[in-house]
C-alpha atoms as a PDB file:
ATOM      1  CA  MET A   1      11.280 -22.858  47.935  1.00  0.00           C
ATOM      2  CA  ILE A   2      11.085 -19.047  47.981  1.00  0.00           C
ATOM      3  CA  ILE A   3       8.718 -17.030  50.164  1.00  0.00           C
ATOM      4  CA  GLU A   4       8.157 -13.286  50.196  1.00  0.00           C
ATOM      5  CA  GLY A   5       6.195 -11.466  52.865  1.00  0.00           C
ATOM      6  CA  ARG A   6       5.778  -8.677  55.374  1.00  0.00           C
ATOM      7  CA  ILE A   7       7.559  -9.236  58.666  1.00  0.00           C
ATOM      8  CA  TRP A   8       6.633  -9.094  62.324  1.00  0.00           C
ATOM      9  CA  THR A   9       9.558  -8.937  64.739  1.00  0.00           C
ATOM     10  CA  PHE A  10       9.904 -10.421  68.204  1.00  0.00           C
ATOM     11  CA  GLY A  11      12.877 -10.638  70.561  1.00  0.00           C
ATOM     12  CA  ASP A  12      14.832 -13.382  72.275  1.00  0.00           C
ATOM     13  CA  ASP A  13      13.451 -16.320  74.249  1.00  0.00           C
ATOM     14  CA  ILE A  14       9.936 -16.256  72.809  1.00  0.00           C
ATOM     15  CA  SER A  15       8.115 -19.030  74.629  1.00  0.00           C
ATOM     16  CA  THR A  16       5.520 -21.407  73.270  1.00  0.00           C
ATOM     17  CA  ASP A  17       3.405 -20.168  76.207  1.00  0.00           C
ATOM     18  CA  LEU A  18       3.152 -16.790  74.425  1.00  0.00           C
ATOM     19  CA  LEU A  19       2.315 -18.461  71.141  1.00  0.00           C
ATOM     20  CA  TYR A  20      -0.205 -20.958  72.532  1.00  0.00           C
ATOM     21  CA  PRO A  21      -1.561 -19.684  75.863  1.00  0.00           C
ATOM     22  CA  GLN A  22      -3.176 -22.077  78.328  1.00  0.00           C
ATOM     23  CA  THR A  23      -6.556 -20.384  77.782  1.00  0.00           C
ATOM     24  CA  ALA A  24      -6.515 -21.529  74.153  1.00  0.00           C
ATOM     25  CA  TYR A  25      -6.295 -25.270  74.873  1.00  0.00           C
ATOM     26  CA  ALA A  26     -10.014 -26.027  74.994  1.00  0.00           C
ATOM     27  CA  LEU A  27     -10.891 -23.841  71.997  1.00  0.00           C
ATOM     28  CA  PRO A  28     -11.302 -24.838  68.351  1.00  0.00           C
ATOM     29  CA  LEU A  29      -8.187 -24.103  66.265  1.00  0.00           C
ATOM     30  CA  GLU A  30      -9.565 -20.946  64.615  1.00  0.00           C
ATOM     31  CA  GLU A  31     -10.534 -19.457  67.994  1.00  0.00           C
ATOM     32  CA  ALA A  32      -7.303 -20.532  69.674  1.00  0.00           C
ATOM     33  CA  ALA A  33      -5.308 -18.827  66.911  1.00  0.00           C
ATOM     34  CA  GLN A  34      -6.823 -15.492  67.907  1.00  0.00           C
ATOM     35  CA  LEU A  35      -4.949 -15.753  71.227  1.00  0.00           C
ATOM     36  CA  VAL A  36      -1.434 -16.005  69.744  1.00  0.00           C
ATOM     37  CA  PHE A  37       0.766 -13.381  71.451  1.00  0.00           C
ATOM     38  CA  SER A  38      -2.285 -12.021  73.295  1.00  0.00           C
ATOM     39  CA  ALA A  39      -0.310 -11.652  76.546  1.00  0.00           C
ATOM     40  CA  SER A  40       2.511  -9.621  75.004  1.00  0.00           C
ATOM     41  CA  HIS A  41       0.924  -8.087  71.884  1.00  0.00           C
ATOM     42  CA  PRO A  42      -2.850  -7.790  72.409  1.00  0.00           C
ATOM     43  CA  GLY A  43      -4.730  -7.753  69.103  1.00  0.00           C
ATOM     44  CA  TRP A  44      -1.759  -8.999  67.086  1.00  0.00           C
ATOM     45  CA  SER A  45      -3.713 -11.861  65.537  1.00  0.00           C
ATOM     46  CA  THR A  46      -6.207  -9.415  63.994  1.00  0.00           C
ATOM     47  CA  LYS A  47      -3.396  -7.582  62.176  1.00  0.00           C
ATOM     48  CA  VAL A  48      -1.722 -10.627  60.642  1.00  0.00           C
ATOM     49  CA  GLU A  49      -2.324 -11.294  56.964  1.00  0.00           C
ATOM     50  CA  PRO A  50      -1.785 -14.528  55.054  1.00  0.00           C
ATOM     51  CA  GLY A  51       1.799 -14.649  53.805  1.00  0.00           C
ATOM     52  CA  ASP A  52       3.321 -12.711  56.715  1.00  0.00           C
ATOM     53  CA  ILE A  53       6.663 -13.815  58.164  1.00  0.00           C
ATOM     54  CA  ILE A  54       7.687 -13.919  61.823  1.00  0.00           C
ATOM     55  CA  VAL A  55      11.248 -12.841  62.657  1.00  0.00           C
ATOM     56  CA  GLY A  56      12.638 -13.536  66.111  1.00  0.00           C
ATOM     57  CA  GLY A  57      15.814 -13.447  68.132  1.00  0.00           C
ATOM     58  CA  SER A  58      17.652 -16.255  69.853  1.00  0.00           C
ATOM     59  CA  ASN A  59      15.935 -19.347  71.249  1.00  0.00           C
ATOM     60  CA  PHE A  60      12.621 -18.725  69.483  1.00  0.00           C
ATOM     61  CA  GLY A  61       9.960 -21.253  70.512  1.00  0.00           C
ATOM     62  CA  MET A  62      11.537 -22.216  73.831  1.00  0.00           C
ATOM     63  CA  GLY A  63       9.480 -23.960  76.474  1.00  0.00           C
ATOM     64  CA  SER A  64       7.009 -26.762  76.242  1.00  0.00           C
ATOM     65  CA  SER A  65       5.981 -28.901  73.295  1.00  0.00           C
ATOM     66  CA  ARG A  66       2.723 -27.009  72.726  1.00  0.00           C
ATOM     67  CA  PRO A  67       1.727 -27.275  69.053  1.00  0.00           C
ATOM     68  CA  ALA A  68       1.971 -23.507  68.633  1.00  0.00           C
ATOM     69  CA  VAL A  69       2.942 -23.820  64.979  1.00  0.00           C
ATOM     70  CA  ALA A  70      -0.577 -25.086  64.180  1.00  0.00           C
ATOM     71  CA  LEU A  71      -1.942 -21.745  65.384  1.00  0.00           C
ATOM     72  CA  LEU A  72       0.562 -19.789  63.290  1.00  0.00           C
ATOM     73  CA  ARG A  73      -0.439 -21.784  60.215  1.00  0.00           C
ATOM     74  CA  GLU A  74      -4.101 -21.116  61.002  1.00  0.00           C
ATOM     75  CA  LEU A  75      -3.334 -17.379  60.975  1.00  0.00           C
ATOM     76  CA  GLY A  76      -1.635 -17.694  57.581  1.00  0.00           C
ATOM     77  CA  ILE A  77       1.970 -17.188  58.699  1.00  0.00           C
ATOM     78  CA  ALA A  78       4.112 -18.264  55.732  1.00  0.00           C
ATOM     79  CA  ALA A  79       7.519 -18.602  57.404  1.00  0.00           C
ATOM     80  CA  ASN A  80       9.459 -18.141  60.631  1.00  0.00           C
ATOM     81  CA  LEU A  81      13.020 -16.824  60.756  1.00  0.00           C
ATOM     82  CA  ALA A  82      15.066 -16.340  63.911  1.00  0.00           C
ATOM     83  CA  GLU A  83      18.611 -16.020  65.163  1.00  0.00           C
ATOM     84  CA  SER A  84      18.108 -19.525  66.580  1.00  0.00           C
ATOM     85  CA  PHE A  85      15.251 -21.878  67.438  1.00  0.00           C
ATOM     86  CA  ALA A  86      14.488 -24.199  70.306  1.00  0.00           C
ATOM     87  CA  ASN A  87      14.962 -27.696  68.835  1.00  0.00           C
ATOM     88  CA  LEU A  88      11.460 -29.018  69.514  1.00  0.00           C
ATOM     89  CA  TYR A  89       9.821 -25.890  68.126  1.00  0.00           C
ATOM     90  CA  PHE A  90      11.925 -26.086  64.962  1.00  0.00           C
ATOM     91  CA  ARG A  91      10.902 -29.700  64.436  1.00  0.00           C
ATOM     92  CA  ASN A  92       7.245 -28.727  64.945  1.00  0.00           C
ATOM     93  CA  CYS A  93       7.709 -26.143  62.193  1.00  0.00           C
ATOM     94  CA  VAL A  94       8.784 -28.917  59.841  1.00  0.00           C
ATOM     95  CA  ASN A  95       6.028 -31.246  61.064  1.00  0.00           C
ATOM     96  CA  TYR A  96       3.353 -28.598  60.406  1.00  0.00           C
ATOM     97  CA  ALA A  97       4.930 -27.456  57.107  1.00  0.00           C
ATOM     98  CA  LEU A  98       5.952 -23.986  58.294  1.00  0.00           C
ATOM     99  CA  PRO A  99       9.299 -23.143  56.699  1.00  0.00           C
ATOM    100  CA  ALA A 100      11.742 -22.016  59.393  1.00  0.00           C
ATOM    101  CA  LEU A 101      15.318 -20.864  59.028  1.00  0.00           C
ATOM    102  CA  ALA A 102      17.973 -19.822  61.553  1.00  0.00           C
ATOM    103  CA  VAL A 103      19.557 -16.668  60.150  1.00  0.00           C
ATOM    104  CA  PRO A 104      22.451 -15.049  62.053  1.00  0.00           C
ATOM    105  CA  GLY A 105      21.944 -11.273  62.207  1.00  0.00           C
ATOM    106  CA  ILE A 106      18.300 -11.344  61.103  1.00  0.00           C
ATOM    107  CA  LEU A 107      16.893  -9.374  64.021  1.00  0.00           C
ATOM    108  CA  ALA A 108      19.259  -6.433  63.434  1.00  0.00           C
ATOM    109  CA  SER A 109      18.636  -6.496  59.672  1.00  0.00           C
ATOM    110  CA  ALA A 110      14.858  -6.755  59.542  1.00  0.00           C
ATOM    111  CA  HIS A 111      12.322  -4.388  61.047  1.00  0.00           C
ATOM    112  CA  GLU A 112       8.609  -4.795  61.504  1.00  0.00           C
ATOM    113  CA  GLY A 113       6.616  -3.964  58.402  1.00  0.00           C
ATOM    114  CA  GLU A 114       9.496  -4.480  55.970  1.00  0.00           C
ATOM    115  CA  ARG A 115       9.347  -7.196  53.338  1.00  0.00           C
ATOM    116  CA  LEU A 116      11.660 -10.190  53.022  1.00  0.00           C
ATOM    117  CA  ARG A 117      12.381 -12.717  50.297  1.00  0.00           C
ATOM    118  CA  VAL A 118      13.652 -16.009  51.698  1.00  0.00           C
ATOM    119  CA  ASP A 119      15.119 -18.825  49.636  1.00  0.00           C
ATOM    120  CA  PHE A 120      15.060 -21.817  51.977  1.00  0.00           C
ATOM    121  CA  ALA A 121      16.960 -24.061  49.554  1.00  0.00           C
ATOM    122  CA  SER A 122      19.936 -21.686  49.283  1.00  0.00           C
ATOM    123  CA  GLY A 123      19.711 -19.937  52.662  1.00  0.00           C
ATOM    124  CA  ARG A 124      19.634 -16.507  51.002  1.00  0.00           C
ATOM    125  CA  VAL A 125      17.556 -13.828  52.745  1.00  0.00           C
ATOM    126  CA  GLU A 126      16.949 -10.456  51.114  1.00  0.00           C
ATOM    127  CA  ASN A 127      15.289  -7.493  52.791  1.00  0.00           C
ATOM    128  CA  LEU A 128      13.252  -6.117  49.891  1.00  0.00           C
ATOM    129  CA  SER A 129      12.683  -2.848  51.758  1.00  0.00           C
ATOM    130  CA  THR A 130      16.352  -2.025  52.392  1.00  0.00           C
ATOM    131  CA  GLY A 131      18.305  -4.220  49.977  1.00  0.00           C
ATOM    132  CA  ALA A 132      20.247  -5.873  52.809  1.00  0.00           C
ATOM    133  CA  GLU A 133      21.172  -9.517  52.260  1.00  0.00           C
ATOM    134  CA  LEU A 134      21.985 -12.268  54.732  1.00  0.00           C
ATOM    135  CA  ALA A 135      23.162 -15.833  54.342  1.00  0.00           C
ATOM    136  CA  ALA A 136      22.143 -18.837  56.408  1.00  0.00           C
ATOM    137  CA  ASP A 137      22.637 -22.552  56.199  1.00  0.00           C
ATOM    138  CA  PRO A 138      19.943 -23.801  53.821  1.00  0.00           C
ATOM    139  CA  LEU A 139      17.317 -26.267  54.906  1.00  0.00           C
ATOM    140  CA  PRO A 140      18.306 -29.827  54.026  1.00  0.00           C
ATOM    141  CA  GLU A 141      16.451 -31.283  51.056  1.00  0.00           C
ATOM    142  CA  GLN A 142      14.821 -33.933  53.257  1.00  0.00           C
ATOM    143  CA  LEU A 143      13.203 -31.233  55.432  1.00  0.00           C
ATOM    144  CA  LEU A 144      12.191 -29.214  52.374  1.00  0.00           C
ATOM    145  CA  ASP A 145      10.477 -32.322  50.986  1.00  0.00           C
ATOM    146  CA  ILE A 146       8.459 -32.715  54.206  1.00  0.00           C
ATOM    147  CA  ILE A 147       7.436 -29.040  54.132  1.00  0.00           C
ATOM    148  CA  ARG A 148       6.534 -29.174  50.424  1.00  0.00           C
ATOM    149  CA  SER A 149       4.366 -32.213  51.015  1.00  0.00           C
ATOM    150  CA  GLY A 150       2.345 -30.429  53.718  1.00  0.00           C
ATOM    151  CA  GLY A 151       4.109 -31.675  56.829  1.00  0.00           C
ATOM    152  CA  VAL A 152       4.466 -35.027  58.507  1.00  0.00           C
ATOM    153  CA  LEU A 153       0.800 -35.990  58.514  1.00  0.00           C
END
């Protein structure tokens, strides 16, 4: 499983509250998705294009069990990389078929607007804009199978 896309970068401790704000709960999925990162990056959802990749720092997706990944998928986000993920958020990525990979050093090696190629089966990450390469532990085949099949449901 290889994905290429333009990246958006975010820092450490990105909370599911930023991804799925309380005001989005009562809205249909397509409207709720427009509120992703609205508190910290107003208008971000209007700039995202299908195939884009989110890159974050440590503890990405911390906080509650909000199904924030559903909103990212609705926006067309193709993958999520981070220094590390909150466990529940990572599992929601798998459940909603959003490939996610913990990549040590990713935040220092990838800058907003650059393009990445990510091989989730090998753990190889290449910055197509700079030529930099990083290695991560690959996703286990069992998780790749769930993602390939469209998620848990």
